[in-house]
Amino acid sequence: AFAYVYPNQPYEIHVCNAFWSASTTGTDSKAGTLVHETSHFTVVAGTQDRVYGQSGARSLAISNPAQAITNADSHEYFAENTPAQN
């Protein structure tokens, strides 16, 4: 794990040792981790971890768009990947 939160304790993100080894930007980065974790806060988006990884997030977007909107990794990958990079 890179980080975790308690959804009802907004804006307090607990980072793990693995977080510090991640790149600053890009896929699976520190920045993306912060977006992912921030999306879990009830006052932000109240997301869940329905699937992990880019391929899982992409498959979920195709098969169940409503669930993809509430998936934390979907928020992360949207923020990390610009259209020019895909």
N, C-alpha and C. Protein backbone atom coordinates (compact mmCIF):
# COMPACT_ATOMS: atom_id res chain seq x y z
N ALA A 1 0.84 -1.19 0.00
CA ALA A 1 0.00 0.00 0.00
C ALA A 1 0.88 1.25 0.00
N PHE A 2 0.40 2.23 -0.74
CA PHE A 2 1.10 3.52 -0.79
C PHE A 2 0.58 4.47 0.28
N ALA A 3 -0.73 4.38 0.56
CA ALA A 3 -1.34 5.28 1.53
C ALA A 3 -2.74 4.76 1.87
N TYR A 4 -3.31 5.34 2.92
CA TYR A 4 -4.69 5.00 3.27
C TYR A 4 -5.32 6.18 3.99
N VAL A 5 -6.64 6.17 4.03
CA VAL A 5 -7.40 7.23 4.71
C VAL A 5 -8.56 6.60 5.47
N TYR A 6 -9.13 7.39 6.34
CA TYR A 6 -10.42 7.08 6.96
C TYR A 6 -11.40 8.06 6.33
N PRO A 7 -12.35 7.58 5.53
CA PRO A 7 -13.21 8.46 4.74
C PRO A 7 -13.92 9.57 5.50
N ASN A 8 -14.22 9.33 6.77
CA ASN A 8 -14.93 10.35 7.55
C ASN A 8 -13.99 11.26 8.33
N GLN A 9 -12.69 11.17 8.05
CA GLN A 9 -11.70 12.07 8.65
C GLN A 9 -11.02 12.82 7.50
N PRO A 10 -11.73 13.80 6.94
CA PRO A 10 -11.25 14.44 5.71
C PRO A 10 -9.88 15.08 5.81
N TYR A 11 -9.17 14.91 4.70
CA TYR A 11 -7.90 15.57 4.42
C TYR A 11 -6.74 15.08 5.28
N GLU A 12 -6.89 13.94 5.93
CA GLU A 12 -5.79 13.33 6.66
C GLU A 12 -5.41 12.05 5.91
N ILE A 13 -4.29 12.11 5.22
CA ILE A 13 -3.82 10.98 4.41
C ILE A 13 -2.61 10.37 5.10
N HIS A 14 -2.67 9.08 5.36
CA HIS A 14 -1.58 8.36 6.00
C HIS A 14 -0.74 7.71 4.89
N VAL A 15 0.49 8.15 4.74
CA VAL A 15 1.34 7.60 3.68
C VAL A 15 2.21 6.49 4.26
N CYS A 16 2.43 5.46 3.44
CA CYS A 16 3.24 4.30 3.82
C CYS A 16 4.63 4.43 3.20
N ASN A 17 5.54 3.57 3.60
CA ASN A 17 6.91 3.63 3.08
C ASN A 17 6.96 3.55 1.56
N ALA A 18 6.12 2.74 0.95
CA ALA A 18 6.12 2.59 -0.51
C ALA A 18 5.82 3.91 -1.22
N PHE A 19 5.07 4.78 -0.59
CA PHE A 19 4.73 6.08 -1.18
C PHE A 19 5.99 6.84 -1.55
N TRP A 20 6.99 6.80 -0.70
CA TRP A 20 8.20 7.60 -0.90
C TRP A 20 9.07 7.09 -2.05
N SER A 21 8.85 5.85 -2.49
CA SER A 21 9.60 5.29 -3.62
C SER A 21 8.92 5.55 -4.96
N ALA A 22 7.68 5.98 -4.95
CA ALA A 22 6.94 6.23 -6.19
C ALA A 22 7.47 7.49 -6.88
N SER A 23 7.29 7.56 -8.19
CA SER A 23 7.68 8.77 -8.92
C SER A 23 6.76 9.92 -8.51
N THR A 24 7.21 11.12 -8.75
CA THR A 24 6.44 12.30 -8.36
C THR A 24 5.18 12.45 -9.19
N THR A 25 5.31 12.23 -10.51
CA THR A 25 4.16 12.36 -11.41
C THR A 25 4.11 11.15 -12.33
N GLY A 26 3.06 11.07 -13.13
CA GLY A 26 2.89 9.95 -14.05
C GLY A 26 2.04 8.85 -13.43
N THR A 27 1.95 7.73 -14.12
CA THR A 27 1.12 6.62 -13.67
C THR A 27 1.63 6.04 -12.36
N ASP A 28 0.71 5.81 -11.44
CA ASP A 28 1.02 5.24 -10.12
C ASP A 28 2.06 6.08 -9.37
N SER A 29 1.88 7.38 -9.42
CA SER A 29 2.81 8.33 -8.82
C SER A 29 2.34 8.80 -7.44
N LYS A 30 3.20 9.58 -6.80
CA LYS A 30 2.81 10.22 -5.54
C LYS A 30 1.58 11.10 -5.77
N ALA A 31 1.61 11.88 -6.83
CA ALA A 31 0.48 12.77 -7.12
C ALA A 31 -0.80 11.97 -7.33
N GLY A 32 -0.71 10.89 -8.10
CA GLY A 32 -1.87 10.05 -8.34
C GLY A 32 -2.39 9.40 -7.07
N THR A 33 -1.47 8.98 -6.21
CA THR A 33 -1.86 8.39 -4.93
C THR A 33 -2.65 9.39 -4.10
N LEU A 34 -2.21 10.63 -4.09
CA LEU A 34 -2.93 11.65 -3.32
C LEU A 34 -4.32 11.91 -3.90
N VAL A 35 -4.44 11.90 -5.23
CA VAL A 35 -5.76 12.04 -5.86
C VAL A 35 -6.64 10.85 -5.47
N HIS A 36 -6.09 9.65 -5.59
CA HIS A 36 -6.82 8.43 -5.25
C HIS A 36 -7.34 8.50 -3.82
N GLU A 37 -6.45 8.79 -2.89
CA GLU A 37 -6.84 8.81 -1.47
C GLU A 37 -7.80 9.95 -1.16
N THR A 38 -7.58 11.11 -1.75
CA THR A 38 -8.49 12.24 -1.53
C THR A 38 -9.89 11.91 -2.01
N SER A 39 -10.00 11.14 -3.09
CA SER A 39 -11.32 10.80 -3.62
C SER A 39 -12.12 9.93 -2.65
N HIS A 40 -11.46 9.25 -1.74
CA HIS A 40 -12.16 8.41 -0.76
C HIS A 40 -12.92 9.22 0.29
N PHE A 41 -12.51 10.45 0.53
CA PHE A 41 -13.16 11.23 1.58
C PHE A 41 -14.63 11.46 1.24
N THR A 42 -15.48 11.22 2.21
CA THR A 42 -16.92 11.38 2.03
C THR A 42 -17.26 12.78 1.54
N VAL A 43 -16.55 13.79 2.03
CA VAL A 43 -16.84 15.17 1.64
C VAL A 43 -16.31 15.52 0.24
N VAL A 44 -15.52 14.63 -0.35
CA VAL A 44 -14.98 14.87 -1.69
C VAL A 44 -15.78 14.08 -2.72
N ALA A 45 -15.60 12.76 -2.75
CA ALA A 45 -16.32 11.93 -3.73
C ALA A 45 -16.83 10.62 -3.14
N GLY A 46 -16.32 10.24 -1.98
CA GLY A 46 -16.77 9.02 -1.34
C GLY A 46 -16.55 7.77 -2.17
N THR A 47 -15.42 7.73 -2.90
CA THR A 47 -15.15 6.59 -3.78
C THR A 47 -14.82 5.34 -2.98
N GLN A 48 -14.88 4.22 -3.68
CA GLN A 48 -14.50 2.92 -3.13
C GLN A 48 -13.39 2.33 -4.00
N ASP A 49 -12.79 1.26 -3.52
CA ASP A 49 -11.80 0.53 -4.31
C ASP A 49 -12.52 -0.66 -4.96
N ARG A 50 -13.18 -0.39 -6.07
CA ARG A 50 -13.93 -1.44 -6.77
C ARG A 50 -12.98 -2.32 -7.59
N VAL A 51 -12.05 -1.70 -8.29
CA VAL A 51 -11.01 -2.41 -9.05
C VAL A 51 -9.72 -1.62 -8.91
N TYR A 52 -8.61 -2.29 -9.17
CA TYR A 52 -7.30 -1.64 -9.14
C TYR A 52 -6.65 -1.74 -10.51
N GLY A 53 -5.77 -0.80 -10.79
CA GLY A 53 -4.99 -0.82 -12.02
C GLY A 53 -5.70 -0.19 -13.20
N GLN A 54 -4.88 0.21 -14.19
CA GLN A 54 -5.44 0.88 -15.37
C GLN A 54 -6.35 -0.04 -16.16
N SER A 55 -5.95 -1.29 -16.35
CA SER A 55 -6.79 -2.17 -17.16
C SER A 55 -8.11 -2.46 -16.45
N GLY A 56 -8.06 -2.62 -15.13
CA GLY A 56 -9.30 -2.83 -14.38
C GLY A 56 -10.21 -1.62 -14.44
N ALA A 57 -9.62 -0.43 -14.31
CA ALA A 57 -10.41 0.80 -14.38
C ALA A 57 -11.02 0.98 -15.76
N ARG A 58 -10.25 0.67 -16.79
CA ARG A 58 -10.75 0.79 -18.16
C ARG A 58 -11.89 -0.20 -18.41
N SER A 59 -11.72 -1.43 -17.98
CA SER A 59 -12.77 -2.45 -18.15
C SER A 59 -14.04 -2.07 -17.41
N LEU A 60 -13.89 -1.54 -16.20
CA LEU A 60 -15.05 -1.12 -15.42
C LEU A 60 -15.77 0.04 -16.10
N ALA A 61 -15.02 0.96 -16.69
CA ALA A 61 -15.64 2.09 -17.40
C ALA A 61 -16.50 1.61 -18.56
N ILE A 62 -16.08 0.53 -19.20
CA ILE A 62 -16.83 -0.02 -20.33
C ILE A 62 -18.04 -0.83 -19.84
N SER A 63 -17.81 -1.68 -18.84
CA SER A 63 -18.86 -2.60 -18.40
C SER A 63 -19.87 -1.98 -17.44
N ASN A 64 -19.41 -1.01 -16.63
CA ASN A 64 -20.31 -0.42 -15.64
C ASN A 64 -19.88 1.02 -15.36
N PRO A 65 -20.22 1.96 -16.24
CA PRO A 65 -19.79 3.35 -16.07
C PRO A 65 -20.19 3.96 -14.73
N ALA A 66 -21.35 3.59 -14.21
CA ALA A 66 -21.80 4.16 -12.93
C ALA A 66 -20.85 3.76 -11.80
N GLN A 67 -20.38 2.52 -11.81
CA GLN A 67 -19.43 2.09 -10.79
C GLN A 67 -18.05 2.70 -11.03
N ALA A 68 -17.69 2.90 -12.28
CA ALA A 68 -16.39 3.50 -12.60
C ALA A 68 -16.28 4.90 -12.01
N ILE A 69 -17.38 5.62 -12.00
CA ILE A 69 -17.38 6.98 -11.44
C ILE A 69 -17.07 6.95 -9.95
N THR A 70 -17.44 5.88 -9.28
CA THR A 70 -17.22 5.79 -7.84
C THR A 70 -16.00 4.94 -7.48
N ASN A 71 -15.14 4.67 -8.45
CA ASN A 71 -13.93 3.89 -8.24
C ASN A 71 -12.72 4.81 -8.07
N ALA A 72 -12.00 4.65 -6.97
CA ALA A 72 -10.88 5.56 -6.67
C ALA A 72 -9.78 5.53 -7.73
N ASP A 73 -9.43 4.35 -8.24
CA ASP A 73 -8.39 4.29 -9.27
C ASP A 73 -8.83 4.99 -10.55
N SER A 74 -10.10 5.02 -10.85
CA SER A 74 -10.58 5.75 -12.03
C SER A 74 -10.26 7.23 -11.89
N HIS A 75 -10.44 7.78 -10.70
CA HIS A 75 -10.11 9.19 -10.45
C HIS A 75 -8.60 9.40 -10.58
N GLU A 76 -7.84 8.48 -10.02
CA GLU A 76 -6.38 8.58 -10.10
C GLU A 76 -5.89 8.60 -11.54
N TYR A 77 -6.34 7.63 -12.33
CA TYR A 77 -5.83 7.53 -13.70
C TYR A 77 -6.33 8.66 -14.58
N PHE A 78 -7.51 9.18 -14.30
CA PHE A 78 -7.99 10.35 -15.04
C PHE A 78 -7.05 11.52 -14.79
N ALA A 79 -6.63 11.70 -13.55
CA ALA A 79 -5.74 12.82 -13.21
C ALA A 79 -4.32 12.60 -13.73
N GLU A 80 -3.85 11.37 -13.73
CA GLU A 80 -2.46 11.10 -14.10
C GLU A 80 -2.21 11.08 -15.61
N ASN A 81 -3.19 10.72 -16.37
CA ASN A 81 -2.97 10.48 -17.80
C ASN A 81 -3.68 11.50 -18.67
N THR A 82 -2.90 12.30 -19.36
CA THR A 82 -3.48 13.26 -20.29
C THR A 82 -3.80 12.54 -21.60
N PRO A 83 -4.73 13.06 -22.39
CA PRO A 83 -5.04 12.42 -23.68
C PRO A 83 -3.82 12.25 -24.58
N ALA A 84 -2.87 13.15 -24.50
CA ALA A 84 -1.68 13.07 -25.34
C ALA A 84 -0.82 11.86 -24.99
N GLN A 85 -0.94 11.35 -23.77
CA GLN A 85 -0.13 10.22 -23.33
C GLN A 85 -0.81 8.89 -23.60
N ASN A 86 -2.06 8.90 -23.98
CA ASN A 86 -2.78 7.62 -24.17
C ASN A 86 -2.84 7.22 -25.60
